[in-house]
Amino acid sequence: MNHPYRLFLNPRQGVPGVVVLTEGGFRRASAEITAWPGYAPTPLRELPAQGFASLHYKDEAERFGLGSFKALGGAYAVQKLVVGELARAGIRATGAEVFSGQHQPNVTVTCATDGNHGRSVAWGARQCHAACVIFVHEHVSQGRRDAIAAYGAEVREVAGNYDDSVRAASAAAESNGWHVISDTSWPGYTEPPRDVMQGYRLMAEEALAAMEQPPTHVFVQGGVGGVAAAVSVQLRARRIPAKLIVVEPDEAACLLLSAEAGEIRVVEGDLPTLMAGLACGEPSLLAWQELERAAHAFMAVPDAAAVEAMRALAPLGIVAGESAVAGLVGAILAGRDDALGLGPESRVLVFGTEGATDPELYARLVAGG
C-alpha cells in the first residue's frame, strides 16, 4: 500500500486534564450491555503482520446484528435515559426491564447520524418502546436510511453536512420536548454522549482482554472522536502505555486540524469522504478533552487507501465497510515512517468498526466499481 498521508505528533500528550469517563460509569454500562440478549464479544482477528510482531483487527461487523460497534453506545444511552425518565414519573424500572420493553415510556429520542449511530439509537428506542426521529444529511445513502427506518424510526433529511444535521436534531428536540441521544458533545450537552462513550469502552476492553500481550500501538478511527477517546480511556484504565494514533479521512480531519491548532477547530464544507461514518467536521468536546492530552499522534488518510484495504480484507473472509478500515490503513502507511517507532517488535491493534452497513455500496467498492 502506497498512498500519501499526513501525520502530526501531539506535543500536548501527557498534559494533565479532566476525567472524561469514570470507572463507575463504565462498570454500569458493561453490566447492562453484557446482559442484553444476544451479547457476545466480537472476534479479534490476527491479520498478516505487515512487518510487525503482530497485527490484530477487532471485527465489529456482527455486533448485535447492527453491523457496527455503535450498537454499544447509542442503545445503551437510550436505555439509561428511559430508566431516568420513568423514575421521574414515579416508576422504578431496571435497565433490563426497559430494554425488554416491559414499560411504555412517553419518550421521543432523536439524533443526527451518518448511518451507524442512528441505527443504534433507533434499535435501542424500539427495544425500550420509545419513539424515535433520526436526522440525516443529504449525502447519507438510501441503504443506510432504510436500515434506520427498519427499526421504526422516522428519518428526516437535512441540507448540508453531518454537523448541520446535529444542529437540526438539537433544534427539533428543543421545540418538541424530545431527548437528544448524540454521539458528539458540546458545551452544555455532555451526559448522553458520555454514556455513549462508556458503551464504546466495552469494545476496547474485549480487545485488550483477548490479546496475549498488550499492544504497543493502537490505531483507531477519528470522526467526532468518541470511539478514539473511549479506547484511550480504557488503555489508561488497564495501565497499558501503548501509543494511540487517531486516524481520519483527509477530507474530514477535524481532530488533526484541532491538534495542530491546539484547540478545537472545524472543517467546513460538504466533507466529501467515502468514509461516511467519519465525515465529521467538528470534534466532540468530551472526546477532545481526552484526546488532546492522551493521543500520541493524529493521521489523515485518503479514501483510495480505504478501498484498497477493504479489498485486501475480503479474501480473508473479513467484511469491512469503508469506515472500518481507517485505523488499519493508518497502521500500514505509518509502518514506513520512523516517527511512531513502529517495527518488527511492535504489537499493533486496530478496530474494524463496521461491516457492510450499506451492502450495495460495499459490493460495488470491493468489486472495483
Protein backbone atom coordinates (compact mmCIF):
# COMPACT_ATOMS: atom_id res chain seq x y z
CA MET A 1 0.00 0.00 0.00
CA ASN A 2 1.49 3.31 -1.09
CA HIS A 3 -0.61 6.42 -0.51
CA PRO A 4 0.09 9.93 0.77
CA TYR A 5 -0.91 10.72 4.33
CA ARG A 6 -0.50 13.38 6.98
CA LEU A 7 0.93 12.64 10.42
CA PHE A 8 1.08 15.04 13.36
CA LEU A 9 2.78 14.08 16.62
CA ASN A 10 0.84 15.52 19.54
CA PRO A 11 3.04 17.92 21.54
CA ARG A 12 0.48 18.05 24.39
CA GLN A 13 0.47 14.33 25.14
CA GLY A 14 0.79 13.78 28.88
CA VAL A 15 -0.54 17.18 29.94
CA PRO A 16 -2.91 16.74 32.93
CA GLY A 17 -6.61 17.10 32.12
CA VAL A 18 -10.14 16.42 33.29
CA VAL A 19 -11.62 12.98 33.94
CA VAL A 20 -13.94 12.42 30.98
CA LEU A 21 -15.16 8.88 31.75
CA THR A 22 -15.34 7.44 35.25
CA GLU A 23 -14.69 3.82 36.11
CA GLY A 24 -18.03 3.53 37.89
CA GLY A 25 -19.81 4.66 34.76
CA PHE A 26 -18.04 2.01 32.72
CA ARG A 27 -18.86 -0.74 35.20
CA ARG A 28 -22.56 0.17 34.98
CA ALA A 29 -22.51 0.30 31.19
CA SER A 30 -20.67 -3.01 30.92
CA ALA A 31 -23.05 -4.73 33.33
CA GLU A 32 -26.10 -3.57 31.38
CA ILE A 33 -24.81 -4.29 27.88
CA THR A 34 -23.38 -7.72 28.63
CA ALA A 35 -26.81 -8.69 30.00
CA TRP A 36 -28.62 -7.84 26.76
CA PRO A 37 -29.99 -10.81 24.79
CA GLY A 38 -27.54 -11.75 22.05
CA TYR A 39 -24.49 -10.20 23.67
CA ALA A 40 -21.19 -11.86 22.83
CA PRO A 41 -17.69 -10.43 22.41
CA THR A 42 -16.87 -9.80 18.77
CA PRO A 43 -13.86 -11.58 17.24
CA LEU A 44 -10.29 -10.35 17.50
CA ARG A 45 -8.68 -11.48 14.26
CA GLU A 46 -4.98 -11.81 13.58
CA LEU A 47 -4.03 -10.35 10.19
CA PRO A 48 -0.84 -10.81 8.17
CA ALA A 49 1.68 -8.92 10.28
CA GLN A 50 2.81 -6.31 7.71
CA GLY A 51 6.30 -6.34 9.19
CA PHE A 52 5.11 -6.01 12.80
CA ALA A 53 5.31 -8.66 15.51
CA SER A 54 1.51 -8.91 15.31
CA LEU A 55 -1.45 -7.08 13.80
CA HIS A 56 -4.84 -7.65 15.42
CA TYR A 57 -8.18 -6.47 14.00
CA LYS A 58 -11.23 -6.17 16.27
CA ASP A 59 -14.07 -7.15 13.94
CA GLU A 60 -17.34 -5.37 14.79
CA ALA A 61 -19.25 -6.47 11.68
CA GLU A 62 -21.76 -8.63 13.58
CA ARG A 63 -22.31 -6.63 16.78
CA PHE A 64 -25.92 -7.30 17.87
CA GLY A 65 -26.84 -7.74 14.20
CA LEU A 66 -26.49 -3.97 13.65
CA GLY A 67 -23.22 -4.19 11.77
CA SER A 68 -21.08 -1.84 13.83
CA PHE A 69 -19.65 -1.03 17.24
CA LYS A 70 -22.16 1.82 17.50
CA ALA A 71 -24.66 -0.72 18.87
CA LEU A 72 -22.76 -0.49 22.16
CA GLY A 73 -23.24 3.24 22.58
CA GLY A 74 -26.47 4.72 21.29
CA ALA A 75 -28.73 1.93 22.51
CA TYR A 76 -27.19 2.00 25.98
CA ALA A 77 -27.68 5.76 26.21
CA VAL A 78 -31.34 5.33 25.19
CA GLN A 79 -31.83 2.66 27.85
CA LYS A 80 -30.29 4.82 30.56
CA LEU A 81 -32.33 7.85 29.54
CA VAL A 82 -35.60 5.92 29.56
CA VAL A 83 -34.84 4.48 33.02
CA GLY A 84 -34.31 8.04 34.23
CA GLU A 85 -37.48 9.38 32.65
CA LEU A 86 -39.56 6.57 34.13
CA ALA A 87 -38.08 7.32 37.55
CA ARG A 88 -39.14 10.95 37.19
CA ALA A 89 -42.66 9.68 36.54
CA GLY A 90 -42.54 7.59 39.71
CA ILE A 91 -41.90 4.27 38.01
CA ARG A 92 -38.98 2.21 39.29
CA ALA A 93 -37.61 0.13 36.45
CA THR A 94 -34.38 -1.73 35.83
CA GLY A 95 -32.41 -1.38 32.63
CA ALA A 96 -33.25 -4.98 31.75
CA GLU A 97 -36.98 -4.33 32.18
CA VAL A 98 -36.78 -1.24 30.00
CA PHE A 99 -34.69 -2.87 27.29
CA SER A 100 -37.05 -5.83 27.08
CA GLY A 101 -39.99 -3.50 26.52
CA GLN A 102 -41.82 -4.06 29.82
CA HIS A 103 -42.72 -0.36 30.11
CA GLN A 104 -44.36 2.15 27.77
CA PRO A 105 -42.46 5.41 28.29
CA ASN A 106 -43.80 8.64 26.86
CA VAL A 107 -40.39 9.47 25.43
CA THR A 108 -39.13 10.51 22.00
CA VAL A 109 -35.41 10.28 21.28
CA THR A 110 -33.59 11.89 18.40
CA CYS A 111 -30.11 12.29 16.98
CA ALA A 112 -28.13 13.09 13.87
CA THR A 113 -26.26 10.34 12.07
CA ASP A 114 -24.16 9.33 9.11
CA GLY A 115 -25.79 5.91 9.48
CA ASN A 116 -24.49 3.66 12.26
CA HIS A 117 -25.22 5.75 15.35
CA GLY A 118 -28.76 6.42 14.16
CA ARG A 119 -29.30 2.72 13.63
CA SER A 120 -28.17 2.03 17.20
CA VAL A 121 -30.43 4.73 18.65
CA ALA A 122 -33.39 3.51 16.57
CA TRP A 123 -32.79 -0.08 17.69
CA GLY A 124 -32.49 0.98 21.31
CA ALA A 125 -35.67 3.05 21.04
CA ARG A 126 -37.57 0.08 19.64
CA GLN A 127 -36.31 -2.16 22.45
CA CYS A 128 -37.39 0.44 25.01
CA HIS A 129 -40.74 1.24 23.32
CA ALA A 130 -39.73 4.88 22.83
CA ALA A 131 -40.49 6.97 19.74
CA CYS A 132 -37.54 7.92 17.56
CA VAL A 133 -36.75 10.59 14.95
CA ILE A 134 -33.38 10.44 13.19
CA PHE A 135 -31.87 13.32 11.19
CA VAL A 136 -29.60 12.57 8.25
CA HIS A 137 -27.80 14.92 5.89
CA GLU A 138 -28.32 14.77 2.16
CA HIS A 139 -25.27 12.60 1.48
CA VAL A 140 -26.35 9.66 3.66
CA SER A 141 -27.09 6.72 1.36
CA GLN A 142 -30.57 5.31 0.91
CA GLY A 143 -29.38 1.95 2.15
CA ARG A 144 -28.35 3.44 5.49
CA ARG A 145 -31.62 5.38 5.74
CA ASP A 146 -33.62 2.22 5.09
CA ALA A 147 -31.69 0.33 7.77
CA ILE A 148 -32.63 3.01 10.33
CA ALA A 149 -36.27 3.11 9.26
CA ALA A 150 -36.46 -0.68 9.60
CA TYR A 151 -36.41 -0.20 13.37
CA GLY A 152 -39.46 2.03 13.28
CA ALA A 153 -37.71 5.40 13.37
CA GLU A 154 -38.83 8.41 11.36
CA VAL A 155 -35.95 9.59 9.15
CA ARG A 156 -35.70 13.27 8.22
CA GLU A 157 -33.25 14.77 5.74
CA VAL A 158 -31.36 18.00 6.37
CA ALA A 159 -29.50 20.06 3.78
CA GLY A 160 -25.77 20.31 4.38
CA ASN A 161 -23.36 18.01 6.20
CA TYR A 162 -23.31 15.96 9.40
CA ASP A 163 -22.80 18.98 11.63
CA ASP A 164 -25.85 20.64 10.08
CA SER A 165 -27.91 17.57 10.95
CA VAL A 166 -26.61 17.70 14.55
CA ARG A 167 -27.91 21.26 14.85
CA ALA A 168 -31.24 20.30 13.28
CA ALA A 169 -31.77 17.43 15.71
CA SER A 170 -30.94 19.68 18.66
CA ALA A 171 -33.36 22.38 17.49
CA ALA A 172 -36.17 19.87 16.92
CA ALA A 173 -35.64 18.38 20.38
CA GLU A 174 -35.80 21.82 21.96
CA SER A 175 -39.04 22.65 20.12
CA ASN A 176 -40.79 19.34 20.75
CA GLY A 177 -39.59 18.22 24.17
CA TRP A 178 -37.59 15.33 22.72
CA HIS A 179 -34.34 13.92 24.09
CA VAL A 180 -31.13 14.14 22.06
CA ILE A 181 -29.01 10.96 22.16
CA SER A 182 -25.94 12.25 20.37
CA ASP A 183 -22.53 10.68 19.96
CA THR A 184 -20.99 14.14 19.90
CA SER A 185 -20.96 16.71 22.70
CA TRP A 186 -20.74 20.46 23.05
CA PRO A 187 -20.76 22.98 25.92
CA GLY A 188 -23.90 22.39 27.96
CA TYR A 189 -24.60 18.97 26.44
CA THR A 190 -22.41 16.13 27.67
CA GLU A 191 -24.29 13.41 29.56
CA PRO A 192 -25.83 11.20 26.83
CA PRO A 193 -22.57 11.38 24.80
CA ARG A 194 -20.70 10.34 27.94
CA ASP A 195 -22.99 7.29 28.23
CA VAL A 196 -22.42 6.52 24.54
CA MET A 197 -18.66 6.58 25.06
CA GLN A 198 -18.89 4.37 28.15
CA GLY A 199 -20.61 1.80 25.95
CA TYR A 200 -17.83 2.03 23.38
CA ARG A 201 -15.27 1.18 26.05
CA LEU A 202 -16.60 -2.37 26.14
CA MET A 203 -15.26 -2.93 22.62
CA ALA A 204 -11.81 -1.81 23.72
CA GLU A 205 -11.98 -3.93 26.88
CA GLU A 206 -12.91 -7.04 24.88
CA ALA A 207 -9.98 -6.49 22.50
CA LEU A 208 -7.41 -5.86 25.22
CA ALA A 209 -8.62 -8.84 27.24
CA ALA A 210 -8.25 -11.12 24.22
CA MET A 211 -4.62 -10.19 23.46
CA GLU A 212 -1.96 -12.47 24.94
CA GLN A 213 0.39 -9.49 25.16
CA PRO A 214 -0.74 -5.86 25.31
CA PRO A 215 -0.41 -3.71 22.21
CA THR A 216 2.43 -1.27 21.74
CA HIS A 217 0.49 0.77 19.17
CA VAL A 218 -3.25 1.29 18.75
CA PHE A 219 -4.72 2.90 15.63
CA VAL A 220 -8.35 3.97 15.88
CA GLN A 221 -10.80 5.95 13.77
CA GLY A 222 -11.49 9.62 14.37
CA GLY A 223 -14.88 11.02 13.36
CA VAL A 224 -16.01 13.27 16.21
CA GLY A 225 -13.53 11.40 18.41
CA GLY A 226 -15.86 9.44 20.70
CA VAL A 227 -14.58 5.96 19.97
CA ALA A 228 -10.94 7.07 19.97
CA ALA A 229 -11.42 8.72 23.37
CA ALA A 230 -13.14 5.60 24.73
CA VAL A 231 -10.23 3.42 23.59
CA SER A 232 -7.78 5.90 25.11
CA VAL A 233 -9.52 5.81 28.48
CA GLN A 234 -9.61 2.01 28.50
CA LEU A 235 -5.90 1.78 27.74
CA ARG A 236 -5.21 4.04 30.71
CA ALA A 237 -7.63 2.11 32.94
CA ARG A 238 -5.63 -1.06 32.16
CA ARG A 239 -2.32 0.80 32.58
CA ILE A 240 -1.24 -0.09 29.04
CA PRO A 241 1.26 2.51 27.76
CA ALA A 242 0.50 1.92 24.09
CA LYS A 243 0.86 4.74 21.60
CA LEU A 244 -2.61 5.83 20.46
CA ILE A 245 -2.86 7.14 16.90
CA VAL A 246 -6.15 8.68 15.76
CA VAL A 247 -6.85 8.24 12.04
CA GLU A 248 -9.28 10.33 9.96
CA PRO A 249 -10.20 10.78 6.29
CA ASP A 250 -8.13 13.53 4.72
CA GLU A 251 -11.37 15.24 3.66
CA ALA A 252 -12.69 15.42 7.24
CA ALA A 253 -9.67 15.62 9.54
CA CYS A 254 -11.14 17.84 12.26
CA LEU A 255 -9.18 16.22 15.09
CA LEU A 256 -5.84 16.56 13.31
CA LEU A 257 -6.67 20.18 12.48
CA SER A 258 -7.55 20.81 16.13
CA ALA A 259 -4.34 19.14 17.32
CA GLU A 260 -2.29 21.33 15.01
CA ALA A 261 -4.06 24.45 16.29
CA GLY A 262 -4.01 23.41 19.95
CA GLU A 263 -7.76 23.98 20.26
CA ILE A 264 -10.99 22.74 18.69
CA ARG A 265 -11.22 23.67 15.03
CA VAL A 266 -13.96 22.93 12.50
CA VAL A 267 -13.61 21.61 8.95
CA GLU A 268 -16.24 23.40 6.88
CA GLY A 269 -17.98 22.28 3.69
CA ASP A 270 -19.51 19.08 2.38
CA LEU A 271 -16.79 16.74 3.76
CA PRO A 272 -16.87 14.57 0.61
CA THR A 273 -15.12 11.50 2.00
CA LEU A 274 -16.16 8.00 1.06
CA MET A 275 -15.73 7.04 4.73
CA ALA A 276 -19.26 8.16 5.59
CA GLY A 277 -19.15 7.27 9.27
CA LEU A 278 -16.13 9.53 9.70
CA ALA A 279 -17.45 12.51 7.69
CA CYS A 280 -17.49 14.81 10.71
CA GLY A 281 -16.26 18.39 10.68
CA GLU A 282 -16.38 19.27 14.38
CA PRO A 283 -14.84 17.34 17.29
CA SER A 284 -16.88 16.27 20.29
CA LEU A 285 -15.99 18.40 23.30
CA LEU A 286 -15.68 15.38 25.62
CA ALA A 287 -13.60 13.43 23.14
CA TRP A 288 -11.30 16.37 22.56
CA GLN A 289 -10.75 16.81 26.31
CA GLU A 290 -9.40 13.26 26.36
CA LEU A 291 -7.54 13.13 23.05
CA GLU A 292 -5.78 16.49 23.25
CA ARG A 293 -3.68 15.14 26.13
CA ALA A 294 -3.71 11.37 25.53
CA ALA A 295 -3.33 10.76 21.80
CA HIS A 296 0.25 10.20 20.66
CA ALA A 297 -0.44 11.30 17.10
CA PHE A 298 -3.13 12.17 14.57
CA MET A 299 -3.22 10.96 10.96
CA ALA A 300 -5.24 11.76 7.84
CA VAL A 301 -5.50 9.16 5.07
CA PRO A 302 -7.12 9.14 1.61
CA ASP A 303 -10.28 7.32 0.53
CA ALA A 304 -8.35 5.32 -2.08
CA ALA A 305 -6.35 3.63 0.69
CA ALA A 306 -9.55 2.66 2.49
CA VAL A 307 -10.94 0.99 -0.61
CA GLU A 308 -7.67 -0.89 -1.12
CA ALA A 309 -7.84 -2.17 2.47
CA MET A 310 -11.46 -3.28 2.07
CA ARG A 311 -10.49 -5.30 -0.98
CA ALA A 312 -7.48 -6.82 0.78
CA LEU A 313 -9.60 -7.99 3.71
CA ALA A 314 -12.37 -9.56 1.64
CA PRO A 315 -10.35 -12.67 0.57
CA LEU A 316 -9.57 -13.22 4.28
CA GLY A 317 -13.30 -13.54 4.96
CA ILE A 318 -13.48 -10.14 6.67
CA VAL A 319 -16.30 -7.84 5.59
CA ALA A 320 -15.17 -4.30 6.37
CA GLY A 321 -17.15 -1.21 5.47
CA GLU A 322 -15.45 1.91 4.22
CA SER A 323 -15.28 3.49 7.70
CA ALA A 324 -13.98 0.27 9.29
CA VAL A 325 -10.50 0.38 7.88
CA ALA A 326 -9.14 3.85 8.64
CA GLY A 327 -7.11 2.56 11.58
CA LEU A 328 -5.75 -0.36 9.58
CA VAL A 329 -4.78 1.96 6.75
CA GLY A 330 -3.05 4.25 9.23
CA ALA A 331 -1.04 1.38 10.69
CA ILE A 332 0.10 0.08 7.32
CA LEU A 333 1.04 3.50 5.98
CA ALA A 334 2.76 4.58 9.21
CA GLY A 335 4.78 1.38 9.24
CA ARG A 336 7.16 3.02 6.75
CA ASP A 337 7.55 6.14 8.93
CA ASP A 338 10.10 6.16 11.78
CA ALA A 339 8.19 8.85 13.67
CA LEU A 340 5.96 6.38 15.53
CA GLY A 341 8.62 3.85 16.42
CA LEU A 342 6.91 1.03 14.56
CA GLY A 343 8.98 -2.02 13.73
CA PRO A 344 9.31 -5.80 13.91
CA GLU A 345 8.74 -5.79 17.70
CA SER A 346 5.51 -3.78 17.51
CA ARG A 347 2.18 -5.30 18.52
CA VAL A 348 -0.48 -3.35 16.66
CA LEU A 349 -4.19 -3.25 17.44
CA VAL A 350 -6.77 -1.75 15.07
CA PHE A 351 -10.55 -1.60 15.24
CA GLY A 352 -12.73 -2.74 12.35
CA THR A 353 -15.65 -0.63 13.44
CA GLU A 354 -18.27 -1.73 10.88
CA GLY A 355 -19.22 -4.38 8.40
CA ALA A 356 -21.14 -3.77 5.17
CA THR A 357 -23.59 -1.27 6.66
CA ASP A 358 -24.51 -0.31 3.09
CA PRO A 359 -24.31 -3.69 1.31
CA GLU A 360 -24.83 -2.30 -2.18
CA LEU A 361 -22.03 0.24 -1.80
CA TYR A 362 -19.76 -2.35 -0.21
CA ALA A 363 -20.25 -4.79 -3.08
CA ARG A 364 -19.55 -2.08 -5.62
CA LEU A 365 -16.38 -0.88 -3.93
CA VAL A 366 -14.92 -4.32 -3.34
CA ALA A 367 -15.72 -5.37 -6.90
CA GLY A 368 -13.94 -2.28 -8.19
CA GLY A 369 -16.99 -0.43 -9.46
